[in-house]
C-alpha atoms as a PDB file:
ATOM      1  CA  MET A   1      -1.217 -15.225  -0.404  1.00  0.00           C
ATOM      2  CA  THR A   2      -5.187 -15.421  -0.690  1.00  0.00           C
ATOM      3  CA  ILE A   3      -6.242 -13.248  -3.669  1.00  0.00           C
ATOM      4  CA  HIS A   4      -9.836 -11.821  -3.517  1.00  0.00           C
ATOM      5  CA  GLU A   5     -11.446 -10.806  -6.675  1.00  0.00           C
ATOM      6  CA  PHE A   6     -14.696  -8.642  -7.529  1.00  0.00           C
ATOM      7  CA  GLY A   7     -16.124  -7.733 -10.970  1.00  0.00           C
ATOM      8  CA  LYS A   8     -14.373 -10.568 -12.919  1.00  0.00           C
ATOM      9  CA  GLU A   9     -16.544  -9.790 -15.936  1.00  0.00           C
ATOM     10  CA  ASN A  10     -14.990  -6.366 -16.328  1.00  0.00           C
ATOM     11  CA  ASP A  11     -11.752  -5.837 -18.481  1.00  0.00           C
ATOM     12  CA  LYS A  12      -9.918  -3.120 -16.774  1.00  0.00           C
ATOM     13  CA  VAL A  13      -8.025  -4.639 -13.739  1.00  0.00           C
ATOM     14  CA  ILE A  14      -7.164  -2.698 -10.644  1.00  0.00           C
ATOM     15  CA  VAL A  15      -4.932  -4.332  -7.873  1.00  0.00           C
ATOM     16  CA  LEU A  16      -5.198  -2.697  -4.533  1.00  0.00           C
ATOM     17  CA  VAL A  17      -2.703  -3.503  -1.884  1.00  0.00           C
ATOM     18  CA  HIS A  18      -3.535  -2.725   1.754  1.00  0.00           C
ATOM     19  CA  PRO A  19      -1.371  -1.255   4.480  1.00  0.00           C
ATOM     20  CA  SER A  20       0.010  -2.987   7.545  1.00  0.00           C
ATOM     21  CA  VAL A  21      -2.128  -3.425  10.816  1.00  0.00           C
ATOM     22  CA  VAL A  22      -5.200  -3.932   8.453  1.00  0.00           C
ATOM     23  CA  MET A  23      -6.672  -6.932   6.530  1.00  0.00           C
ATOM     24  CA  TRP A  24      -7.564  -6.917   2.907  1.00  0.00           C
ATOM     25  CA  ASP A  25     -11.243  -5.699   3.980  1.00  0.00           C
ATOM     26  CA  TYR A  26      -9.277  -2.471   4.573  1.00  0.00           C
ATOM     27  CA  PHE A  27     -11.284  -1.938   0.934  1.00  0.00           C
ATOM     28  CA  GLU A  28     -14.640  -3.021   1.926  1.00  0.00           C
ATOM     29  CA  TYR A  29     -16.326   0.484   1.393  1.00  0.00           C
ATOM     30  CA  VAL A  30     -14.818   0.992  -2.036  1.00  0.00           C
ATOM     31  CA  ILE A  31     -15.454  -2.431  -3.345  1.00  0.00           C
ATOM     32  CA  PRO A  32     -19.208  -1.823  -4.136  1.00  0.00           C
ATOM     33  CA  LEU A  33     -18.355   1.408  -5.625  1.00  0.00           C
ATOM     34  CA  MET A  34     -15.895   0.007  -7.968  1.00  0.00           C
ATOM     35  CA  GLU A  35     -16.884  -3.619  -8.878  1.00  0.00           C
ATOM     36  CA  LYS A  36     -19.307  -2.911 -11.369  1.00  0.00           C
ATOM     37  CA  LYS A  37     -16.902  -1.011 -13.582  1.00  0.00           C
ATOM     38  CA  TYR A  38     -13.480  -2.776 -12.774  1.00  0.00           C
ATOM     39  CA  HIS A  39     -12.096  -5.862 -12.162  1.00  0.00           C
ATOM     40  CA  LEU A  40     -10.800  -5.777  -8.629  1.00  0.00           C
ATOM     41  CA  ILE A  41      -7.530  -7.853  -7.456  1.00  0.00           C
ATOM     42  CA  ILE A  42      -7.130  -7.494  -3.641  1.00  0.00           C
ATOM     43  CA  PRO A  43      -4.414  -9.583  -2.149  1.00  0.00           C
ATOM     44  CA  ALA A  44      -4.356 -10.574   1.626  1.00  0.00           C
ATOM     45  CA  ILE A  45      -0.853 -10.008   2.478  1.00  0.00           C
ATOM     46  CA  PRO A  46       0.987 -12.844   4.391  1.00  0.00           C
ATOM     47  CA  GLY A  47       0.814 -12.067   8.230  1.00  0.00           C
ATOM     48  CA  TYR A  48      -2.340 -10.056   7.559  1.00  0.00           C
ATOM     49  CA  ASP A  49      -4.459 -12.861   6.061  1.00  0.00           C
ATOM     50  CA  PRO A  50      -7.258 -14.362   8.406  1.00  0.00           C
ATOM     51  CA  ASP A  51      -7.745 -17.193   6.208  1.00  0.00           C
ATOM     52  CA  ASN A  52      -4.183 -18.417   6.092  1.00  0.00           C
ATOM     53  CA  LYS A  53      -1.868 -18.346   9.356  1.00  0.00           C
ATOM     54  CA  SER A  54       1.459 -17.072   8.249  1.00  0.00           C
ATOM     55  CA  ASN A  55       3.993 -14.389   8.901  1.00  0.00           C
ATOM     56  CA  PHE A  56       4.986 -11.526   6.616  1.00  0.00           C
ATOM     57  CA  THR A  57       7.861 -12.403   4.382  1.00  0.00           C
ATOM     58  CA  SER A  58       9.336  -9.381   2.368  1.00  0.00           C
ATOM     59  CA  VAL A  59       8.476  -6.571   0.238  1.00  0.00           C
ATOM     60  CA  GLU A  60      10.502  -8.066  -2.680  1.00  0.00           C
ATOM     61  CA  ASP A  61       8.768 -11.555  -2.017  1.00  0.00           C
ATOM     62  CA  ILE A  62       5.457 -10.369  -1.806  1.00  0.00           C
ATOM     63  CA  ALA A  63       5.640  -8.187  -5.051  1.00  0.00           C
ATOM     64  CA  ALA A  64       7.139 -11.255  -7.008  1.00  0.00           C
ATOM     65  CA  GLU A  65       4.374 -13.595  -5.700  1.00  0.00           C
ATOM     66  CA  LEU A  66       1.668 -10.880  -6.731  1.00  0.00           C
ATOM     67  CA  GLU A  67       3.621 -10.577 -10.141  1.00  0.00           C
ATOM     68  CA  ASP A  68       3.563 -14.201 -10.602  1.00  0.00           C
ATOM     69  CA  TRP A  69      -0.174 -14.716  -9.864  1.00  0.00           C
ATOM     70  CA  LEU A  70      -1.216 -11.896 -12.210  1.00  0.00           C
ATOM     71  CA  ILE A  71       0.945 -13.280 -14.859  1.00  0.00           C
ATOM     72  CA  LYS A  72      -0.423 -16.906 -14.476  1.00  0.00           C
ATOM     73  CA  HIS A  73      -3.854 -15.886 -14.422  1.00  0.00           C
ATOM     74  CA  GLY A  74      -3.487 -13.597 -17.711  1.00  0.00           C
ATOM     75  CA  LEU A  75      -4.023 -10.351 -16.028  1.00  0.00           C
ATOM     76  CA  SER A  76      -0.503  -8.660 -16.278  1.00  0.00           C
ATOM     77  CA  ASP A  77      -2.133  -5.823 -18.167  1.00  0.00           C
ATOM     78  CA  VAL A  78      -3.149  -3.572 -14.965  1.00  0.00           C
ATOM     79  CA  THR A  79      -5.064  -0.541 -15.503  1.00  0.00           C
ATOM     80  CA  CYS A  80      -4.338   0.895 -12.013  1.00  0.00           C
ATOM     81  CA  LEU A  81      -1.812  -0.514  -9.284  1.00  0.00           C
ATOM     82  CA  TYR A  82      -2.558   1.063  -6.082  1.00  0.00           C
ATOM     83  CA  GLY A  83      -1.018   0.469  -2.541  1.00  0.00           C
ATOM     84  CA  CYS A  84      -0.990   2.480   0.686  1.00  0.00           C
ATOM     85  CA  SER A  85       1.986   2.731   3.438  1.00  0.00           C
ATOM     86  CA  MET A  86       3.289  -1.005   3.299  1.00  0.00           C
ATOM     87  CA  GLY A  87       1.310  -1.601   0.218  1.00  0.00           C
ATOM     88  CA  GLY A  88       2.735   1.395  -1.313  1.00  0.00           C
ATOM     89  CA  SER A  89       6.225  -0.105  -0.592  1.00  0.00           C
ATOM     90  CA  VAL A  90       5.086  -3.122  -2.718  1.00  0.00           C
ATOM     91  CA  VAL A  91       3.917  -1.039  -5.590  1.00  0.00           C
ATOM     92  CA  VAL A  92       7.206   0.723  -5.579  1.00  0.00           C
ATOM     93  CA  ARG A  93       8.979  -2.662  -6.038  1.00  0.00           C
ATOM     94  CA  MET A  94       6.535  -3.975  -8.584  1.00  0.00           C
ATOM     95  CA  LEU A  95       6.916  -0.813 -10.788  1.00  0.00           C
ATOM     96  CA  ALA A  96      10.851  -1.220 -10.504  1.00  0.00           C
ATOM     97  CA  ASP A  97      10.412  -4.889 -11.479  1.00  0.00           C
ATOM     98  CA  ASN A  98       8.614  -3.912 -14.485  1.00  0.00           C
ATOM     99  CA  ARG A  99       7.288  -7.349 -15.237  1.00  0.00           C
ATOM    100  CA  LEU A 100       3.692  -6.062 -15.647  1.00  0.00           C
ATOM    101  CA  ASN A 101       2.301  -3.683 -18.131  1.00  0.00           C
ATOM    102  CA  ILE A 102       1.001  -1.234 -15.480  1.00  0.00           C
ATOM    103  CA  ARG A 103      -0.681   1.557 -17.036  1.00  0.00           C
ATOM    104  CA  SER A 104      -1.020   3.731 -14.022  1.00  0.00           C
ATOM    105  CA  ALA A 105      -0.039   3.782 -10.380  1.00  0.00           C
ATOM    106  CA  VAL A 106      -0.809   5.155  -7.215  1.00  0.00           C
ATOM    107  CA  ILE A 107       1.724   5.176  -4.071  1.00  0.00           C
ATOM    108  CA  ASP A 108      -0.536   6.161  -1.120  1.00  0.00           C
ATOM    109  CA  GLY A 109       1.957   7.232   1.682  1.00  0.00           C
ATOM    110  CA  GLY A 110       4.310   4.490   0.488  1.00  0.00           C
ATOM    111  CA  ILE A 111       7.189   3.866   2.589  1.00  0.00           C
ATOM    112  CA  THR A 112      10.526   3.966   0.719  1.00  0.00           C
ATOM    113  CA  PRO A 113      13.912   2.189   1.609  1.00  0.00           C
ATOM    114  CA  TYR A 114      15.922   4.357   4.173  1.00  0.00           C
ATOM    115  CA  GLN A 115      18.933   5.907   2.550  1.00  0.00           C
ATOM    116  CA  LEU A 116      20.870   5.621   5.990  1.00  0.00           C
ATOM    117  CA  PRO A 117      23.577   3.647   7.739  1.00  0.00           C
ATOM    118  CA  TRP A 118      22.626   0.165   8.499  1.00  0.00           C
ATOM    119  CA  ILE A 119      22.660   0.487  12.287  1.00  0.00           C
ATOM    120  CA  ILE A 120      20.287   3.608  12.173  1.00  0.00           C
ATOM    121  CA  THR A 121      17.917   1.891   9.915  1.00  0.00           C
ATOM    122  CA  ARG A 122      17.564  -0.919  12.388  1.00  0.00           C
ATOM    123  CA  LEU A 123      17.132   1.477  15.492  1.00  0.00           C
ATOM    124  CA  ILE A 124      14.134   2.886  13.496  1.00  0.00           C
ATOM    125  CA  ALA A 125      12.787  -0.659  12.718  1.00  0.00           C
ATOM    126  CA  ILE A 126      13.165  -1.313  16.624  1.00  0.00           C
ATOM    127  CA  LYS A 127      11.311   1.973  17.301  1.00  0.00           C
ATOM    128  CA  ASP A 128       8.397   1.197  14.911  1.00  0.00           C
ATOM    129  CA  PHE A 129       8.034  -2.548  16.101  1.00  0.00           C
ATOM    130  CA  LEU A 130       7.804  -1.314  19.738  1.00  0.00           C
ATOM    131  CA  LEU A 131       4.979   1.279  18.824  1.00  0.00           C
ATOM    132  CA  ILE A 132       3.000  -1.395  17.208  1.00  0.00           C
ATOM    133  CA  TYR A 133       3.789  -4.165  19.843  1.00  0.00           C
ATOM    134  CA  THR A 134       2.919  -1.736  22.636  1.00  0.00           C
ATOM    135  CA  GLY A 135      -0.143  -1.269  20.902  1.00  0.00           C
ATOM    136  CA  LYS A 136      -0.890  -5.106  20.516  1.00  0.00           C
ATOM    137  CA  ILE A 137      -0.414  -5.186  24.367  1.00  0.00           C
ATOM    138  CA  GLY A 138      -1.621  -1.863  25.666  1.00  0.00           C
ATOM    139  CA  GLY A 139      -4.683  -1.020  23.074  1.00  0.00           C
ATOM    140  CA  ALA A 140      -5.152   0.045  19.487  1.00  0.00           C
ATOM    141  CA  ARG A 141      -5.875   3.761  20.857  1.00  0.00           C
ATOM    142  CA  LEU A 142      -1.848   4.109  21.063  1.00  0.00           C
ATOM    143  CA  LEU A 143      -1.627   3.994  17.092  1.00  0.00           C
ATOM    144  CA  GLU A 144      -3.533   7.291  16.921  1.00  0.00           C
ATOM    145  CA  LYS A 145      -0.657   8.764  18.617  1.00  0.00           C
ATOM    146  CA  ALA A 146       2.122   6.695  16.961  1.00  0.00           C
ATOM    147  CA  PHE A 147       0.849   7.431  13.420  1.00  0.00           C
ATOM    148  CA  SER A 148      -0.636  10.322  11.677  1.00  0.00           C
ATOM    149  CA  THR A 149      -4.134   8.476  11.460  1.00  0.00           C
ATOM    150  CA  ASP A 150      -7.253   9.861  11.522  1.00  0.00           C
ATOM    151  CA  GLU A 151      -9.238   9.592  14.653  1.00  0.00           C
ATOM    152  CA  LEU A 152     -10.421   6.181  15.423  1.00  0.00           C
ATOM    153  CA  SER A 153     -14.175   5.507  16.265  1.00  0.00           C
ATOM    154  CA  GLU A 154     -14.676   2.883  18.682  1.00  0.00           C
ATOM    155  CA  GLU A 155     -15.678   0.490  16.101  1.00  0.00           C
ATOM    156  CA  ASP A 156     -12.379   1.532  14.285  1.00  0.00           C
ATOM    157  CA  ALA A 157     -10.253   0.764  17.310  1.00  0.00           C
ATOM    158  CA  GLN A 158     -12.100  -2.679  18.024  1.00  0.00           C
ATOM    159  CA  TYR A 159     -10.941  -3.515  14.596  1.00  0.00           C
ATOM    160  CA  ALA A 160      -7.611  -2.632  15.100  1.00  0.00           C
ATOM    161  CA  ALA A 161      -7.325  -4.354  18.201  1.00  0.00           C
ATOM    162  CA  LYS A 162      -8.542  -7.503  16.517  1.00  0.00           C
ATOM    163  CA  VAL A 163      -6.048  -7.103  13.879  1.00  0.00           C
ATOM    164  CA  LEU A 164      -3.284  -6.517  16.500  1.00  0.00           C
ATOM    165  CA  LYS A 165      -4.347  -9.780  18.342  1.00  0.00           C
ATOM    166  CA  MET A 166      -4.076 -11.648  15.015  1.00  0.00           C
ATOM    167  CA  ILE A 167      -0.605 -10.654  13.716  1.00  0.00           C
ATOM    168  CA  SER A 168       2.449 -11.940  15.277  1.00  0.00           C
ATOM    169  CA  ALA A 169       5.632 -10.406  16.803  1.00  0.00           C
ATOM    170  CA  ARG A 170       7.330 -11.781  13.771  1.00  0.00           C
ATOM    171  CA  THR A 171       5.054 -10.267  11.435  1.00  0.00           C
ATOM    172  CA  ILE A 172       5.350  -6.693  13.080  1.00  0.00           C
ATOM    173  CA  TRP A 173       8.915  -6.937  12.969  1.00  0.00           C
ATOM    174  CA  ARG A 174       9.434  -8.043   9.434  1.00  0.00           C
ATOM    175  CA  THR A 175       6.871  -5.403   8.051  1.00  0.00           C
ATOM    176  CA  PHE A 176       8.923  -2.518   9.464  1.00  0.00           C
ATOM    177  CA  GLU A 177      12.328  -4.033   8.723  1.00  0.00           C
ATOM    178  CA  SER A 178      11.645  -4.804   5.335  1.00  0.00           C
ATOM    179  CA  CYS A 179       9.358  -1.643   4.434  1.00  0.00           C
ATOM    180  CA  ASN A 180      12.031   0.274   5.741  1.00  0.00           C
ATOM    181  CA  ASN A 181      14.947  -1.523   4.106  1.00  0.00           C
ATOM    182  CA  TYR A 182      13.744  -3.334   0.911  1.00  0.00           C
ATOM    183  CA  SER A 183      16.025  -3.810  -2.051  1.00  0.00           C
ATOM    184  CA  MET A 184      15.566  -2.089  -5.452  1.00  0.00           C
ATOM    185  CA  PRO A 185      17.388  -3.032  -8.883  1.00  0.00           C
ATOM    186  CA  LYS A 186      20.596  -1.334  -9.562  1.00  0.00           C
ATOM    187  CA  TYR A 187      19.342  -0.033 -12.834  1.00  0.00           C
ATOM    188  CA  ILE A 188      15.609   1.083 -12.777  1.00  0.00           C
ATOM    189  CA  HIS A 189      13.799   1.157 -16.021  1.00  0.00           C
ATOM    190  CA  ILE A 190       9.792   1.303 -15.751  1.00  0.00           C
ATOM    191  CA  ASP A 191       7.297   1.320 -18.456  1.00  0.00           C
ATOM    192  CA  CYS A 192       4.378   3.050 -16.497  1.00  0.00           C
ATOM    193  CA  LYS A 193       3.681   6.256 -18.033  1.00  0.00           C
ATOM    194  CA  TYR A 194       1.620   7.727 -15.017  1.00  0.00           C
ATOM    195  CA  ILE A 195       2.307   7.582 -11.392  1.00  0.00           C
ATOM    196  CA  GLU A 196       0.859   9.477  -8.552  1.00  0.00           C
ATOM    197  CA  TYR A 197       2.230   9.920  -5.052  1.00  0.00           C
ATOM    198  CA  TRP A 198      -0.534  10.789  -2.430  1.00  0.00           C
ATOM    199  CA  VAL A 199       0.474  12.394   0.738  1.00  0.00           C
ATOM    200  CA  ALA A 200      -2.253  13.066   3.285  1.00  0.00           C
ATOM    201  CA  GLU A 201      -2.483  16.102   4.963  1.00  0.00           C
ATOM    202  CA  LYS A 202      -1.755  14.940   8.311  1.00  0.00           C
ATOM    203  CA  GLU A 203       1.343  13.225   7.505  1.00  0.00           C
ATOM    204  CA  VAL A 204       3.322  15.747   4.983  1.00  0.00           C
ATOM    205  CA  LYS A 205       5.984  15.874   7.551  1.00  0.00           C
ATOM    206  CA  ASP A 206       6.354  12.152   7.936  1.00  0.00           C
ATOM    207  CA  ARG A 207       6.790  11.383   4.214  1.00  0.00           C
ATOM    208  CA  LYS A 208       9.340  13.906   3.307  1.00  0.00           C
ATOM    209  CA  TRP A 209      11.958  11.500   2.727  1.00  0.00           C
ATOM    210  CA  ASP A 210       9.736   9.025   0.856  1.00  0.00           C
ATOM    211  CA  VAL A 211       8.865  12.000  -1.365  1.00  0.00           C
ATOM    212  CA  GLU A 212      12.460  12.734  -2.070  1.00  0.00           C
ATOM    213  CA  TYR A 213      13.247   9.186  -2.992  1.00  0.00           C
ATOM    214  CA  ILE A 214      10.223   8.859  -5.339  1.00  0.00           C
ATOM    215  CA  LYS A 215      11.389  12.069  -7.035  1.00  0.00           C
ATOM    216  CA  LYS A 216      14.599  10.670  -7.648  1.00  0.00           C
ATOM    217  CA  ILE A 217      13.778   6.892  -8.805  1.00  0.00           C
ATOM    218  CA  PHE A 218      10.332   7.846 -10.587  1.00  0.00           C
ATOM    219  CA  PRO A 219      11.083  11.475 -11.662  1.00  0.00           C
ATOM    220  CA  HIS A 220       7.877  11.969 -13.683  1.00  0.00           C
ATOM    221  CA  THR A 221       5.563  11.123 -10.564  1.00  0.00           C
ATOM    222  CA  VAL A 222       2.814  13.589  -9.870  1.00  0.00           C
ATOM    223  CA  PHE A 223       2.498  14.397  -6.215  1.00  0.00           C
ATOM    224  CA  ARG A 224      -0.838  15.202  -4.858  1.00  0.00           C
ATOM    225  CA  LYS A 225      -1.776  16.342  -1.096  1.00  0.00           C
ATOM    226  CA  ILE A 226      -5.059  14.872   0.158  1.00  0.00           C
ATOM    227  CA  LYS A 227      -6.724  17.461   2.448  1.00  0.00           C
ATOM    228  CA  ASP A 228      -8.455  16.701   5.708  1.00  0.00           C
ATOM    229  CA  THR A 229      -6.955  13.071   5.951  1.00  0.00           C
ATOM    230  CA  GLY A 230      -4.791  11.149   7.858  1.00  0.00           C
ATOM    231  CA  HIS A 231      -2.243   8.343   6.826  1.00  0.00           C
ATOM    232  CA  GLY A 232      -4.245   5.704   4.959  1.00  0.00           C
ATOM    233  CA  GLY A 233      -7.504   7.269   5.915  1.00  0.00           C
ATOM    234  CA  LEU A 234      -9.055   7.535   2.367  1.00  0.00           C
ATOM    235  CA  ALA A 235     -10.141   3.923   1.574  1.00  0.00           C
ATOM    236  CA  PRO A 236     -11.732   3.341   4.920  1.00  0.00           C
ATOM    237  CA  PHE A 237     -13.171   6.965   5.917  1.00  0.00           C
ATOM    238  CA  LYS A 238     -13.525   8.661   2.541  1.00  0.00           C
ATOM    239  CA  PRO A 239     -14.370   5.998  -0.219  1.00  0.00           C
ATOM    240  CA  GLU A 240     -16.105   8.122  -2.658  1.00  0.00           C
ATOM    241  CA  LYS A 241     -13.127  10.349  -2.510  1.00  0.00           C
ATOM    242  CA  PHE A 242     -10.926   7.387  -2.959  1.00  0.00           C
ATOM    243  CA  VAL A 243     -12.654   6.205  -5.905  1.00  0.00           C
ATOM    244  CA  ARG A 244     -12.785   9.782  -7.438  1.00  0.00           C
ATOM    245  CA  GLY A 245      -9.162   9.558  -7.260  1.00  0.00           C
ATOM    246  CA  ILE A 246      -8.381   6.477  -8.620  1.00  0.00           C
ATOM    247  CA  ASN A 247     -10.861   7.293 -11.724  1.00  0.00           C
ATOM    248  CA  SER A 248      -8.914  10.470 -12.196  1.00  0.00           C
ATOM    249  CA  VAL A 249      -5.322   8.660 -12.227  1.00  0.00           C
ATOM    250  CA  ILE A 250      -6.916   6.331 -14.847  1.00  0.00           C
ATOM    251  CA  TRP A 251      -8.362   8.965 -17.077  1.00  0.00           C
ATOM    252  CA  LYS A 252      -4.937  11.026 -16.841  1.00  0.00           C
ATOM    253  CA  SER A 253      -2.990   7.928 -17.687  1.00  0.00           C
ATOM    254  CA  MET A 254      -5.302   7.548 -20.908  1.00  0.00           C
ATOM    255  CA  ILE A 255      -4.646  11.003 -21.929  1.00  0.00           C
ATOM    256  CA  SER A 256      -0.995  10.929 -21.472  1.00  0.00           C
ATOM    257  CA  GLN A 257      -1.112   7.761 -23.667  1.00  0.00           C
ATOM    258  CA  GLY A 258      -2.943   9.272 -26.069  1.00  0.00           C
ATOM    259  CA  ARG A 259      -5.903   6.749 -25.819  1.00  0.00           C
END
């Protein structure tokens, strides 16, 4: 896993975990808005790392690897942990692991484990795999129809096509199989005092099960609907709004902890 860092001179650590079918530069527009104030940690997830040819492993392994890296580098005190979609799955698992001092967290359209029979979960994974693999073969524009995304510009479509060409069929399969079925500790205790789950307006129906799951395992979570936005659309399309949201979460977490 390649880790990209910006604003290393700053004390407050923010970890940003990207969704699937993009690379770490998904955050390229928010980096210049945040690096003067925060120490940004942005991992390039295995399978989506242009500098390290690999395949996606699992949500559990990626969460553990990122936790190990942060602890090793003396960065276990995390001001805000953010993850979108697949990245949201990683955040959910990291919160459940409770190995870091995470002061606040944002799960942005995060995927949670399906509470369904094994055969049903595999059928769903096959469906998702075929949707993305069809995009890999037939064009990135199919992603707009498959998922509740914002409308892609021609430049955005070319970027998606580039990523689809780079990632392997194994990575596509493992991404959805793992995000839909990753394991969670039997007994969950977390010390993070402030969590928000963001739901884009265009994906409210798609995230219904995920919202119910988060309510069950992290009952103090605050839920926010992000207007005029599709799945994963904040960071690349509305970076200023993204930054305001993160700043708000950090401020609210400080208030809740009496800081």
